[in-house]
Protein backbone atom coordinates (compact mmCIF):
# COMPACT_ATOMS: atom_id res chain seq x y z
CA UNK A 1 0.00 0.00 0.00
CA UNK A 2 1.35 3.42 -0.99
CA UNK A 3 1.99 5.92 1.83
CA UNK A 4 -1.06 8.02 2.66
CA UNK A 5 -0.66 11.74 2.16
CA UNK A 6 -1.46 13.63 5.35
CA UNK A 7 -3.47 16.08 3.23
CA UNK A 8 -5.90 13.29 2.27
CA UNK A 9 -6.98 12.52 5.83
CA UNK A 10 -9.93 13.99 7.69
CA UNK A 11 -9.28 13.75 11.42
CA UNK A 12 -12.45 13.63 13.47
CA UNK A 13 -13.99 13.18 16.89
CA UNK A 14 -17.61 12.98 17.99
CA UNK A 15 -19.30 13.87 21.26
CA UNK A 16 -22.45 12.03 22.28
CA UNK A 17 -25.01 12.27 25.10
CA UNK A 18 -28.08 10.33 26.25
CA UNK A 19 -31.17 11.31 24.26
CA UNK A 20 -33.00 12.31 27.45
CA UNK A 21 -31.57 14.44 30.23
CA UNK A 22 -32.51 12.03 33.03
CA UNK A 23 -33.66 8.45 33.48
CA UNK A 24 -37.04 9.65 34.75
CA UNK A 25 -37.71 11.43 31.44
CA UNK A 26 -37.41 8.21 29.42
CA UNK A 27 -40.73 7.12 27.88
CA UNK A 28 -41.89 3.81 29.40
CA UNK A 29 -41.02 1.71 26.33
CA UNK A 30 -37.49 3.15 26.23
CA UNK A 31 -37.16 2.79 29.99
CA UNK A 32 -37.88 -0.93 29.71
CA UNK A 33 -35.33 -1.29 26.94
CA UNK A 34 -32.70 0.63 28.90
CA UNK A 35 -33.39 -1.45 32.01
CA UNK A 36 -32.68 -4.58 29.98
CA UNK A 37 -29.50 -3.09 28.50
CA UNK A 38 -28.36 -1.84 31.89
CA UNK A 39 -28.72 -5.31 33.39
CA UNK A 40 -25.67 -6.31 31.35
CA UNK A 41 -23.74 -3.14 32.22
CA UNK A 42 -24.17 -3.02 35.99
CA UNK A 43 -20.96 -4.04 37.75
CA UNK A 44 -22.16 -3.84 41.34
CA UNK A 45 -25.82 -4.70 41.95
CA UNK A 46 -25.65 -3.35 45.49
CA UNK A 47 -24.70 0.19 44.46
CA UNK A 48 -25.73 0.53 40.81
CA UNK A 49 -29.15 0.69 39.19
CA UNK A 50 -30.35 1.38 35.62
CA UNK A 51 -31.06 4.93 36.80
CA UNK A 52 -27.67 5.50 38.41
CA UNK A 53 -25.77 4.46 35.27
CA UNK A 54 -28.04 6.27 32.80
CA UNK A 55 -25.31 8.85 32.13
CA UNK A 56 -23.52 6.07 30.23
CA UNK A 57 -26.41 5.70 27.78
CA UNK A 58 -24.83 8.25 25.47
CA UNK A 59 -22.14 5.83 24.28
CA UNK A 60 -24.76 3.50 22.80
CA UNK A 61 -26.22 4.59 19.47
CA UNK A 62 -29.66 3.22 20.34
CA UNK A 63 -29.94 5.41 23.43
CA UNK A 64 -27.63 8.32 22.59
CA UNK A 65 -27.33 11.10 20.07
CA UNK A 66 -24.50 13.08 18.50
CA UNK A 67 -24.23 16.71 19.55
CA UNK A 68 -20.83 17.59 18.10
CA UNK A 69 -18.61 16.41 15.25
CA UNK A 70 -15.13 17.93 15.10
CA UNK A 71 -13.15 17.69 11.87
CA UNK A 72 -9.62 18.68 10.92
CA UNK A 73 -7.63 18.72 7.69
CA UNK A 74 -3.89 19.32 7.39
CA UNK A 75 -3.44 21.88 4.64
CA UNK A 76 0.30 21.73 4.04
CA UNK A 77 3.17 19.33 4.57
CA UNK A 78 6.69 19.58 5.94
CA UNK A 79 7.72 21.51 9.03
CA UNK A 80 5.16 24.28 8.48
CA UNK A 81 2.06 22.09 8.54
CA UNK A 82 -1.22 23.86 9.17
CA UNK A 83 -4.47 22.34 10.30
CA UNK A 84 -7.96 23.73 9.74
CA UNK A 85 -10.55 22.69 12.33
CA UNK A 86 -14.33 22.91 12.01
CA UNK A 87 -17.05 21.74 14.40
CA UNK A 88 -20.62 20.81 13.59
CA UNK A 89 -22.58 21.10 16.82
CA UNK A 90 -26.18 21.55 17.88
CA UNK A 91 -29.23 20.08 19.57
CA UNK A 92 -30.81 18.97 16.26
CA UNK A 93 -28.91 15.80 15.41
CA UNK A 94 -30.56 15.38 12.01
CA UNK A 95 -29.51 18.87 10.93
CA UNK A 96 -26.00 18.33 12.31
CA UNK A 97 -25.59 15.03 10.45
CA UNK A 98 -26.95 16.55 7.25
CA UNK A 99 -24.38 19.35 7.33
CA UNK A 100 -21.56 16.92 8.11
CA UNK A 101 -22.64 14.59 5.29
CA UNK A 102 -22.75 17.48 2.80
CA UNK A 103 -19.23 18.53 3.77
CA UNK A 104 -17.88 14.98 3.69
CA UNK A 105 -19.33 14.22 0.25
CA UNK A 106 -17.88 17.43 -1.18
CA UNK A 107 -14.48 16.73 0.36
CA UNK A 108 -14.35 13.15 -0.90
CA UNK A 109 -16.93 12.55 -3.63
CA UNK A 110 -15.30 9.29 -4.75
CA UNK A 111 -14.17 7.80 -1.40
CA UNK A 112 -10.55 8.38 -2.36
CA UNK A 113 -9.65 9.99 0.94
CA UNK A 114 -9.38 8.74 4.53
CA UNK A 115 -11.00 9.23 7.92
CA UNK A 116 -8.97 9.01 11.12
CA UNK A 117 -10.14 8.94 14.75
CA UNK A 118 -8.92 7.50 18.04
CA UNK A 119 -10.83 4.27 18.61
CA UNK A 120 -12.75 5.31 15.52
CA UNK A 121 -13.27 1.79 14.20
CA UNK A 122 -14.88 0.73 17.47
CA UNK A 123 -16.81 3.91 18.30
CA UNK A 124 -16.88 7.05 16.11
CA UNK A 125 -17.37 5.46 12.68
CA UNK A 126 -20.06 2.89 13.60
CA UNK A 127 -21.85 5.38 15.88
CA UNK A 128 -22.03 7.88 13.02
CA UNK A 129 -23.36 5.25 10.61
CA UNK A 130 -26.04 4.07 13.05
CA UNK A 131 -27.26 7.59 13.74
CA UNK A 132 -27.37 8.34 10.00
CA UNK A 133 -29.65 5.33 9.61
CA UNK A 134 -31.83 6.33 12.58
CA UNK A 135 -32.22 9.82 11.11
CA UNK A 136 -33.00 8.37 7.66
CA UNK A 137 -30.00 10.06 6.03
CA UNK A 138 -27.92 8.10 3.50
CA UNK A 139 -24.61 6.99 4.99
CA UNK A 140 -21.82 8.92 3.19
CA UNK A 141 -19.73 6.67 0.89
CA UNK A 142 -16.57 7.29 2.91
CA UNK A 143 -18.21 5.79 6.01
CA UNK A 144 -19.79 2.75 4.34
CA UNK A 145 -18.45 -0.74 4.88
CA UNK A 146 -21.02 -2.81 3.00
CA UNK A 147 -19.69 -4.42 -0.17
CA UNK A 148 -16.13 -3.24 0.43
CA UNK A 149 -13.09 -5.44 0.82
CA UNK A 150 -11.01 -4.72 3.96
CA UNK A 151 -8.36 -2.85 1.99
CA UNK A 152 -11.06 -0.69 0.37
CA UNK A 153 -12.22 0.74 3.71
CA UNK A 154 -10.42 4.07 4.13
CA UNK A 155 -10.62 4.22 7.90
CA UNK A 156 -7.57 4.91 10.07
CA UNK A 157 -7.45 4.54 13.84
CA UNK A 158 -4.68 5.93 16.04
CA UNK A 159 -5.55 3.41 18.77
CA UNK A 160 -5.09 0.55 16.30
CA UNK A 161 -1.84 2.04 15.03
CA UNK A 162 -0.54 2.29 18.59
CA UNK A 163 -1.47 -1.34 19.37
CA UNK A 164 0.97 -2.66 16.73
CA UNK A 165 -1.08 -5.85 16.50
CA UNK A 166 -1.81 -6.16 20.24
CA UNK A 167 -5.46 -6.87 21.09
CA UNK A 168 -5.25 -6.94 24.88
CA UNK A 169 -5.62 -3.36 26.01
CA UNK A 170 -7.24 0.02 25.43
CA UNK A 171 -5.15 3.20 25.55
CA UNK A 172 -7.05 6.47 25.96
CA UNK A 173 -6.33 9.49 23.80
CA UNK A 174 -5.18 11.38 26.89
CA UNK A 175 -2.75 8.64 27.96
CA UNK A 176 -1.33 8.16 24.48
CA UNK A 177 -0.81 11.90 24.00
CA UNK A 178 0.99 12.13 27.35
CA UNK A 179 3.11 9.08 26.51
CA UNK A 180 4.21 10.62 23.22
CA UNK A 181 4.94 14.02 24.76
CA UNK A 182 2.01 15.71 23.06
CA UNK A 183 0.22 18.38 25.16
CA UNK A 184 -2.84 16.74 26.70
CA UNK A 185 -6.23 17.97 25.49
CA UNK A 186 -7.97 17.17 28.80
CA UNK A 187 -7.44 20.50 30.53
CA UNK A 188 -11.12 21.37 30.95
CA UNK A 189 -13.53 18.41 30.79
CA UNK A 190 -13.33 14.75 29.88
CA UNK A 191 -15.71 12.43 28.07
CA UNK A 192 -17.53 11.37 31.23
CA UNK A 193 -18.53 15.00 31.87
CA UNK A 194 -20.00 15.77 28.44
CA UNK A 195 -23.53 14.64 29.32
CA UNK A 196 -23.59 16.88 32.39
CA UNK A 197 -22.13 19.90 30.59
CA UNK A 198 -24.76 19.43 27.87
CA UNK A 199 -27.89 18.62 29.87
CA UNK A 200 -27.21 20.53 33.10
CA UNK A 201 -24.96 23.44 32.09
CA UNK A 202 -26.45 23.76 28.58
CA UNK A 203 -22.93 24.70 27.45
CA UNK A 204 -22.55 23.33 23.94
CA UNK A 205 -19.75 25.79 23.17
CA UNK A 206 -17.61 24.29 25.94
CA UNK A 207 -18.15 20.81 24.48
CA UNK A 208 -17.26 22.01 20.98
CA UNK A 209 -13.99 23.46 22.29
CA UNK A 210 -13.19 20.16 23.99
CA UNK A 211 -14.00 18.29 20.76
CA UNK A 212 -11.73 20.58 18.71
CA UNK A 213 -8.83 19.87 21.06
CA UNK A 214 -9.35 16.14 20.65
CA UNK A 215 -9.28 16.45 16.85
CA UNK A 216 -5.98 18.34 17.03
CA UNK A 217 -4.57 15.70 19.37
CA UNK A 218 -5.61 12.84 17.05
CA UNK A 219 -3.81 14.58 14.17
CA UNK A 220 -0.70 15.18 16.29
CA UNK A 221 -0.62 11.54 17.40
CA UNK A 222 -0.96 10.33 13.82
CA UNK A 223 1.95 12.54 12.77
CA UNK A 224 4.07 11.34 15.68
CA UNK A 225 3.36 7.67 14.93
CA UNK A 226 4.47 8.27 11.36
CA UNK A 227 7.70 10.03 12.36
CA UNK A 228 6.58 13.45 11.13
CA UNK A 229 6.95 16.84 12.79
CA UNK A 230 4.01 18.13 14.82
CA UNK A 231 1.81 21.10 14.03
CA UNK A 232 2.77 24.27 15.88
CA UNK A 233 0.09 26.08 17.89
CA UNK A 234 0.26 29.15 15.66
CA UNK A 235 -0.61 26.96 12.67
CA UNK A 236 -3.94 25.80 14.09
CA UNK A 237 -6.96 27.51 12.50
CA UNK A 238 -10.42 27.16 14.05
CA UNK A 239 -13.23 27.86 11.58
CA UNK A 240 -16.60 29.11 12.76
C-alpha atoms as a PDB file:
ATOM      1  CA  UNK A   1       0.000   0.000   0.000  1.00  0.00           C
ATOM      2  CA  UNK A   2       1.345   3.417  -0.992  1.00  0.00           C
ATOM      3  CA  UNK A   3       1.985   5.916   1.829  1.00  0.00           C
ATOM      4  CA  UNK A   4      -1.064   8.022   2.657  1.00  0.00           C
ATOM      5  CA  UNK A   5      -0.660  11.744   2.156  1.00  0.00           C
ATOM      6  CA  UNK A   6      -1.462  13.628   5.354  1.00  0.00           C
ATOM      7  CA  UNK A   7      -3.468  16.082   3.235  1.00  0.00           C
ATOM      8  CA  UNK A   8      -5.899  13.293   2.268  1.00  0.00           C
ATOM      9  CA  UNK A   9      -6.977  12.515   5.831  1.00  0.00           C
ATOM     10  CA  UNK A  10      -9.930  13.992   7.688  1.00  0.00           C
ATOM     11  CA  UNK A  11      -9.285  13.751  11.423  1.00  0.00           C
ATOM     12  CA  UNK A  12     -12.451  13.633  13.471  1.00  0.00           C
ATOM     13  CA  UNK A  13     -13.987  13.179  16.886  1.00  0.00           C
ATOM     14  CA  UNK A  14     -17.610  12.982  17.986  1.00  0.00           C
ATOM     15  CA  UNK A  15     -19.303  13.873  21.260  1.00  0.00           C
ATOM     16  CA  UNK A  16     -22.455  12.028  22.282  1.00  0.00           C
ATOM     17  CA  UNK A  17     -25.006  12.268  25.102  1.00  0.00           C
ATOM     18  CA  UNK A  18     -28.077  10.333  26.252  1.00  0.00           C
ATOM     19  CA  UNK A  19     -31.166  11.309  24.261  1.00  0.00           C
ATOM     20  CA  UNK A  20     -32.997  12.308  27.446  1.00  0.00           C
ATOM     21  CA  UNK A  21     -31.573  14.440  30.232  1.00  0.00           C
ATOM     22  CA  UNK A  22     -32.511  12.030  33.027  1.00  0.00           C
ATOM     23  CA  UNK A  23     -33.661   8.454  33.480  1.00  0.00           C
ATOM     24  CA  UNK A  24     -37.039   9.654  34.753  1.00  0.00           C
ATOM     25  CA  UNK A  25     -37.711  11.427  31.443  1.00  0.00           C
ATOM     26  CA  UNK A  26     -37.412   8.214  29.420  1.00  0.00           C
ATOM     27  CA  UNK A  27     -40.728   7.117  27.882  1.00  0.00           C
ATOM     28  CA  UNK A  28     -41.888   3.815  29.396  1.00  0.00           C
ATOM     29  CA  UNK A  29     -41.015   1.711  26.334  1.00  0.00           C
ATOM     30  CA  UNK A  30     -37.491   3.154  26.232  1.00  0.00           C
ATOM     31  CA  UNK A  31     -37.163   2.787  29.991  1.00  0.00           C
ATOM     32  CA  UNK A  32     -37.883  -0.932  29.715  1.00  0.00           C
ATOM     33  CA  UNK A  33     -35.328  -1.293  26.935  1.00  0.00           C
ATOM     34  CA  UNK A  34     -32.695   0.625  28.904  1.00  0.00           C
ATOM     35  CA  UNK A  35     -33.388  -1.452  32.007  1.00  0.00           C
ATOM     36  CA  UNK A  36     -32.676  -4.582  29.980  1.00  0.00           C
ATOM     37  CA  UNK A  37     -29.503  -3.090  28.496  1.00  0.00           C
ATOM     38  CA  UNK A  38     -28.365  -1.839  31.890  1.00  0.00           C
ATOM     39  CA  UNK A  39     -28.718  -5.312  33.393  1.00  0.00           C
ATOM     40  CA  UNK A  40     -25.667  -6.314  31.350  1.00  0.00           C
ATOM     41  CA  UNK A  41     -23.736  -3.140  32.224  1.00  0.00           C
ATOM     42  CA  UNK A  42     -24.171  -3.016  35.992  1.00  0.00           C
ATOM     43  CA  UNK A  43     -20.961  -4.036  37.751  1.00  0.00           C
ATOM     44  CA  UNK A  44     -22.164  -3.842  41.343  1.00  0.00           C
ATOM     45  CA  UNK A  45     -25.820  -4.703  41.953  1.00  0.00           C
ATOM     46  CA  UNK A  46     -25.649  -3.351  45.486  1.00  0.00           C
ATOM     47  CA  UNK A  47     -24.697   0.188  44.465  1.00  0.00           C
ATOM     48  CA  UNK A  48     -25.728   0.525  40.813  1.00  0.00           C
ATOM     49  CA  UNK A  49     -29.146   0.694  39.190  1.00  0.00           C
ATOM     50  CA  UNK A  50     -30.346   1.382  35.619  1.00  0.00           C
ATOM     51  CA  UNK A  51     -31.064   4.934  36.797  1.00  0.00           C
ATOM     52  CA  UNK A  52     -27.672   5.502  38.412  1.00  0.00           C
ATOM     53  CA  UNK A  53     -25.769   4.461  35.271  1.00  0.00           C
ATOM     54  CA  UNK A  54     -28.042   6.273  32.802  1.00  0.00           C
ATOM     55  CA  UNK A  55     -25.308   8.853  32.128  1.00  0.00           C
ATOM     56  CA  UNK A  56     -23.518   6.068  30.226  1.00  0.00           C
ATOM     57  CA  UNK A  57     -26.413   5.704  27.777  1.00  0.00           C
ATOM     58  CA  UNK A  58     -24.829   8.252  25.467  1.00  0.00           C
ATOM     59  CA  UNK A  59     -22.139   5.828  24.283  1.00  0.00           C
ATOM     60  CA  UNK A  60     -24.762   3.497  22.798  1.00  0.00           C
ATOM     61  CA  UNK A  61     -26.215   4.587  19.467  1.00  0.00           C
ATOM     62  CA  UNK A  62     -29.660   3.215  20.336  1.00  0.00           C
ATOM     63  CA  UNK A  63     -29.938   5.413  23.430  1.00  0.00           C
ATOM     64  CA  UNK A  64     -27.628   8.316  22.593  1.00  0.00           C
ATOM     65  CA  UNK A  65     -27.332  11.104  20.066  1.00  0.00           C
ATOM     66  CA  UNK A  66     -24.497  13.082  18.501  1.00  0.00           C
ATOM     67  CA  UNK A  67     -24.234  16.715  19.553  1.00  0.00           C
ATOM     68  CA  UNK A  68     -20.831  17.589  18.095  1.00  0.00           C
ATOM     69  CA  UNK A  69     -18.608  16.407  15.246  1.00  0.00           C
ATOM     70  CA  UNK A  70     -15.135  17.928  15.100  1.00  0.00           C
ATOM     71  CA  UNK A  71     -13.146  17.690  11.865  1.00  0.00           C
ATOM     72  CA  UNK A  72      -9.625  18.676  10.921  1.00  0.00           C
ATOM     73  CA  UNK A  73      -7.632  18.720   7.688  1.00  0.00           C
ATOM     74  CA  UNK A  74      -3.891  19.316   7.395  1.00  0.00           C
ATOM     75  CA  UNK A  75      -3.441  21.877   4.639  1.00  0.00           C
ATOM     76  CA  UNK A  76       0.299  21.726   4.039  1.00  0.00           C
ATOM     77  CA  UNK A  77       3.169  19.325   4.572  1.00  0.00           C
ATOM     78  CA  UNK A  78       6.695  19.582   5.938  1.00  0.00           C
ATOM     79  CA  UNK A  79       7.724  21.514   9.034  1.00  0.00           C
ATOM     80  CA  UNK A  80       5.158  24.278   8.483  1.00  0.00           C
ATOM     81  CA  UNK A  81       2.063  22.094   8.543  1.00  0.00           C
ATOM     82  CA  UNK A  82      -1.217  23.864   9.166  1.00  0.00           C
ATOM     83  CA  UNK A  83      -4.471  22.342  10.298  1.00  0.00           C
ATOM     84  CA  UNK A  84      -7.956  23.731   9.743  1.00  0.00           C
ATOM     85  CA  UNK A  85     -10.551  22.687  12.335  1.00  0.00           C
ATOM     86  CA  UNK A  86     -14.332  22.910  12.012  1.00  0.00           C
ATOM     87  CA  UNK A  87     -17.046  21.737  14.396  1.00  0.00           C
ATOM     88  CA  UNK A  88     -20.619  20.814  13.594  1.00  0.00           C
ATOM     89  CA  UNK A  89     -22.584  21.104  16.824  1.00  0.00           C
ATOM     90  CA  UNK A  90     -26.183  21.552  17.885  1.00  0.00           C
ATOM     91  CA  UNK A  91     -29.229  20.075  19.569  1.00  0.00           C
ATOM     92  CA  UNK A  92     -30.810  18.973  16.262  1.00  0.00           C
ATOM     93  CA  UNK A  93     -28.914  15.797  15.408  1.00  0.00           C
ATOM     94  CA  UNK A  94     -30.559  15.377  12.012  1.00  0.00           C
ATOM     95  CA  UNK A  95     -29.507  18.866  10.926  1.00  0.00           C
ATOM     96  CA  UNK A  96     -26.004  18.334  12.314  1.00  0.00           C
ATOM     97  CA  UNK A  97     -25.590  15.027  10.446  1.00  0.00           C
ATOM     98  CA  UNK A  98     -26.947  16.546   7.249  1.00  0.00           C
ATOM     99  CA  UNK A  99     -24.384  19.353   7.326  1.00  0.00           C
ATOM    100  CA  UNK A 100     -21.563  16.919   8.105  1.00  0.00           C
ATOM    101  CA  UNK A 101     -22.638  14.588   5.291  1.00  0.00           C
ATOM    102  CA  UNK A 102     -22.746  17.478   2.804  1.00  0.00           C
ATOM    103  CA  UNK A 103     -19.231  18.533   3.770  1.00  0.00           C
ATOM    104  CA  UNK A 104     -17.885  14.981   3.693  1.00  0.00           C
ATOM    105  CA  UNK A 105     -19.329  14.224   0.250  1.00  0.00           C
ATOM    106  CA  UNK A 106     -17.876  17.425  -1.185  1.00  0.00           C
ATOM    107  CA  UNK A 107     -14.479  16.727   0.363  1.00  0.00           C
ATOM    108  CA  UNK A 108     -14.349  13.150  -0.899  1.00  0.00           C
ATOM    109  CA  UNK A 109     -16.933  12.551  -3.632  1.00  0.00           C
ATOM    110  CA  UNK A 110     -15.301   9.288  -4.751  1.00  0.00           C
ATOM    111  CA  UNK A 111     -14.170   7.798  -1.397  1.00  0.00           C
ATOM    112  CA  UNK A 112     -10.546   8.379  -2.361  1.00  0.00           C
ATOM    113  CA  UNK A 113      -9.648   9.988   0.943  1.00  0.00           C
ATOM    114  CA  UNK A 114      -9.383   8.738   4.531  1.00  0.00           C
ATOM    115  CA  UNK A 115     -11.004   9.233   7.923  1.00  0.00           C
ATOM    116  CA  UNK A 116      -8.969   9.008  11.118  1.00  0.00           C
ATOM    117  CA  UNK A 117     -10.137   8.941  14.747  1.00  0.00           C
ATOM    118  CA  UNK A 118      -8.915   7.503  18.041  1.00  0.00           C
ATOM    119  CA  UNK A 119     -10.830   4.271  18.606  1.00  0.00           C
ATOM    120  CA  UNK A 120     -12.748   5.314  15.519  1.00  0.00           C
ATOM    121  CA  UNK A 121     -13.271   1.792  14.203  1.00  0.00           C
ATOM    122  CA  UNK A 122     -14.881   0.735  17.474  1.00  0.00           C
ATOM    123  CA  UNK A 123     -16.811   3.908  18.297  1.00  0.00           C
ATOM    124  CA  UNK A 124     -16.877   7.052  16.108  1.00  0.00           C
ATOM    125  CA  UNK A 125     -17.369   5.460  12.678  1.00  0.00           C
ATOM    126  CA  UNK A 126     -20.059   2.894  13.597  1.00  0.00           C
ATOM    127  CA  UNK A 127     -21.845   5.385  15.879  1.00  0.00           C
ATOM    128  CA  UNK A 128     -22.033   7.885  13.024  1.00  0.00           C
ATOM    129  CA  UNK A 129     -23.355   5.251  10.613  1.00  0.00           C
ATOM    130  CA  UNK A 130     -26.035   4.074  13.052  1.00  0.00           C
ATOM    131  CA  UNK A 131     -27.259   7.593  13.741  1.00  0.00           C
ATOM    132  CA  UNK A 132     -27.366   8.345   9.996  1.00  0.00           C
ATOM    133  CA  UNK A 133     -29.655   5.331   9.607  1.00  0.00           C
ATOM    134  CA  UNK A 134     -31.833   6.329  12.577  1.00  0.00           C
ATOM    135  CA  UNK A 135     -32.219   9.818  11.110  1.00  0.00           C
ATOM    136  CA  UNK A 136     -32.996   8.371   7.658  1.00  0.00           C
ATOM    137  CA  UNK A 137     -30.004  10.064   6.032  1.00  0.00           C
ATOM    138  CA  UNK A 138     -27.922   8.099   3.496  1.00  0.00           C
ATOM    139  CA  UNK A 139     -24.608   6.992   4.994  1.00  0.00           C
ATOM    140  CA  UNK A 140     -21.825   8.923   3.191  1.00  0.00           C
ATOM    141  CA  UNK A 141     -19.726   6.673   0.891  1.00  0.00           C
ATOM    142  CA  UNK A 142     -16.567   7.291   2.911  1.00  0.00           C
ATOM    143  CA  UNK A 143     -18.207   5.793   6.008  1.00  0.00           C
ATOM    144  CA  UNK A 144     -19.793   2.750   4.335  1.00  0.00           C
ATOM    145  CA  UNK A 145     -18.450  -0.740   4.884  1.00  0.00           C
ATOM    146  CA  UNK A 146     -21.017  -2.806   3.001  1.00  0.00           C
ATOM    147  CA  UNK A 147     -19.691  -4.415  -0.171  1.00  0.00           C
ATOM    148  CA  UNK A 148     -16.129  -3.244   0.433  1.00  0.00           C
ATOM    149  CA  UNK A 149     -13.089  -5.442   0.820  1.00  0.00           C
ATOM    150  CA  UNK A 150     -11.011  -4.717   3.958  1.00  0.00           C
ATOM    151  CA  UNK A 151      -8.361  -2.847   1.988  1.00  0.00           C
ATOM    152  CA  UNK A 152     -11.060  -0.692   0.372  1.00  0.00           C
ATOM    153  CA  UNK A 153     -12.215   0.739   3.713  1.00  0.00           C
ATOM    154  CA  UNK A 154     -10.417   4.066   4.126  1.00  0.00           C
ATOM    155  CA  UNK A 155     -10.616   4.223   7.899  1.00  0.00           C
ATOM    156  CA  UNK A 156      -7.567   4.914  10.068  1.00  0.00           C
ATOM    157  CA  UNK A 157      -7.452   4.543  13.837  1.00  0.00           C
ATOM    158  CA  UNK A 158      -4.683   5.931  16.041  1.00  0.00           C
ATOM    159  CA  UNK A 159      -5.549   3.410  18.767  1.00  0.00           C
ATOM    160  CA  UNK A 160      -5.091   0.553  16.303  1.00  0.00           C
ATOM    161  CA  UNK A 161      -1.843   2.037  15.028  1.00  0.00           C
ATOM    162  CA  UNK A 162      -0.538   2.290  18.593  1.00  0.00           C
ATOM    163  CA  UNK A 163      -1.468  -1.336  19.373  1.00  0.00           C
ATOM    164  CA  UNK A 164       0.965  -2.657  16.733  1.00  0.00           C
ATOM    165  CA  UNK A 165      -1.083  -5.846  16.500  1.00  0.00           C
ATOM    166  CA  UNK A 166      -1.815  -6.160  20.241  1.00  0.00           C
ATOM    167  CA  UNK A 167      -5.463  -6.867  21.093  1.00  0.00           C
ATOM    168  CA  UNK A 168      -5.247  -6.937  24.876  1.00  0.00           C
ATOM    169  CA  UNK A 169      -5.621  -3.363  26.008  1.00  0.00           C
ATOM    170  CA  UNK A 170      -7.235   0.024  25.431  1.00  0.00           C
ATOM    171  CA  UNK A 171      -5.150   3.203  25.550  1.00  0.00           C
ATOM    172  CA  UNK A 172      -7.053   6.469  25.964  1.00  0.00           C
ATOM    173  CA  UNK A 173      -6.334   9.488  23.803  1.00  0.00           C
ATOM    174  CA  UNK A 174      -5.180  11.376  26.891  1.00  0.00           C
ATOM    175  CA  UNK A 175      -2.750   8.644  27.961  1.00  0.00           C
ATOM    176  CA  UNK A 176      -1.333   8.163  24.476  1.00  0.00           C
ATOM    177  CA  UNK A 177      -0.811  11.898  23.996  1.00  0.00           C
ATOM    178  CA  UNK A 178       0.989  12.128  27.346  1.00  0.00           C
ATOM    179  CA  UNK A 179       3.112   9.077  26.508  1.00  0.00           C
ATOM    180  CA  UNK A 180       4.212  10.623  23.216  1.00  0.00           C
ATOM    181  CA  UNK A 181       4.944  14.024  24.756  1.00  0.00           C
ATOM    182  CA  UNK A 182       2.013  15.715  23.058  1.00  0.00           C
ATOM    183  CA  UNK A 183       0.223  18.376  25.160  1.00  0.00           C
ATOM    184  CA  UNK A 184      -2.835  16.743  26.701  1.00  0.00           C
ATOM    185  CA  UNK A 185      -6.234  17.966  25.494  1.00  0.00           C
ATOM    186  CA  UNK A 186      -7.970  17.172  28.802  1.00  0.00           C
ATOM    187  CA  UNK A 187      -7.441  20.503  30.530  1.00  0.00           C
ATOM    188  CA  UNK A 188     -11.123  21.371  30.951  1.00  0.00           C
ATOM    189  CA  UNK A 189     -13.532  18.410  30.787  1.00  0.00           C
ATOM    190  CA  UNK A 190     -13.332  14.754  29.884  1.00  0.00           C
ATOM    191  CA  UNK A 191     -15.705  12.427  28.067  1.00  0.00           C
ATOM    192  CA  UNK A 192     -17.531  11.371  31.227  1.00  0.00           C
ATOM    193  CA  UNK A 193     -18.532  14.997  31.868  1.00  0.00           C
ATOM    194  CA  UNK A 194     -19.997  15.771  28.443  1.00  0.00           C
ATOM    195  CA  UNK A 195     -23.534  14.643  29.321  1.00  0.00           C
ATOM    196  CA  UNK A 196     -23.593  16.880  32.395  1.00  0.00           C
ATOM    197  CA  UNK A 197     -22.129  19.902  30.593  1.00  0.00           C
ATOM    198  CA  UNK A 198     -24.756  19.434  27.865  1.00  0.00           C
ATOM    199  CA  UNK A 199     -27.889  18.615  29.865  1.00  0.00           C
ATOM    200  CA  UNK A 200     -27.209  20.531  33.104  1.00  0.00           C
ATOM    201  CA  UNK A 201     -24.963  23.437  32.094  1.00  0.00           C
ATOM    202  CA  UNK A 202     -26.449  23.763  28.579  1.00  0.00           C
ATOM    203  CA  UNK A 203     -22.925  24.696  27.455  1.00  0.00           C
ATOM    204  CA  UNK A 204     -22.546  23.331  23.939  1.00  0.00           C
ATOM    205  CA  UNK A 205     -19.754  25.787  23.174  1.00  0.00           C
ATOM    206  CA  UNK A 206     -17.611  24.293  25.939  1.00  0.00           C
ATOM    207  CA  UNK A 207     -18.153  20.814  24.479  1.00  0.00           C
ATOM    208  CA  UNK A 208     -17.260  22.011  20.978  1.00  0.00           C
ATOM    209  CA  UNK A 209     -13.990  23.463  22.287  1.00  0.00           C
ATOM    210  CA  UNK A 210     -13.191  20.162  23.986  1.00  0.00           C
ATOM    211  CA  UNK A 211     -13.997  18.293  20.761  1.00  0.00           C
ATOM    212  CA  UNK A 212     -11.735  20.584  18.708  1.00  0.00           C
ATOM    213  CA  UNK A 213      -8.829  19.873  21.060  1.00  0.00           C
ATOM    214  CA  UNK A 214      -9.353  16.140  20.649  1.00  0.00           C
ATOM    215  CA  UNK A 215      -9.276  16.448  16.854  1.00  0.00           C
ATOM    216  CA  UNK A 216      -5.981  18.341  17.028  1.00  0.00           C
ATOM    217  CA  UNK A 217      -4.567  15.698  19.366  1.00  0.00           C
ATOM    218  CA  UNK A 218      -5.608  12.842  17.052  1.00  0.00           C
ATOM    219  CA  UNK A 219      -3.812  14.577  14.167  1.00  0.00           C
ATOM    220  CA  UNK A 220      -0.705  15.176  16.290  1.00  0.00           C
ATOM    221  CA  UNK A 221      -0.616  11.541  17.403  1.00  0.00           C
ATOM    222  CA  UNK A 222      -0.961  10.330  13.819  1.00  0.00           C
ATOM    223  CA  UNK A 223       1.945  12.539  12.770  1.00  0.00           C
ATOM    224  CA  UNK A 224       4.071  11.337  15.682  1.00  0.00           C
ATOM    225  CA  UNK A 225       3.356   7.671  14.932  1.00  0.00           C
ATOM    226  CA  UNK A 226       4.473   8.273  11.361  1.00  0.00           C
ATOM    227  CA  UNK A 227       7.696  10.030  12.358  1.00  0.00           C
ATOM    228  CA  UNK A 228       6.576  13.454  11.128  1.00  0.00           C
ATOM    229  CA  UNK A 229       6.948  16.842  12.786  1.00  0.00           C
ATOM    230  CA  UNK A 230       4.014  18.127  14.816  1.00  0.00           C
ATOM    231  CA  UNK A 231       1.807  21.100  14.026  1.00  0.00           C
ATOM    232  CA  UNK A 232       2.765  24.273  15.881  1.00  0.00           C
ATOM    233  CA  UNK A 233       0.089  26.084  17.887  1.00  0.00           C
ATOM    234  CA  UNK A 234       0.260  29.149  15.658  1.00  0.00           C
ATOM    235  CA  UNK A 235      -0.615  26.962  12.668  1.00  0.00           C
ATOM    236  CA  UNK A 236      -3.940  25.804  14.092  1.00  0.00           C
ATOM    237  CA  UNK A 237      -6.956  27.505  12.497  1.00  0.00           C
ATOM    238  CA  UNK A 238     -10.423  27.161  14.054  1.00  0.00           C
ATOM    239  CA  UNK A 239     -13.226  27.863  11.580  1.00  0.00           C
ATOM    240  CA  UNK A 240     -16.595  29.109  12.764  1.00  0.00           C
END
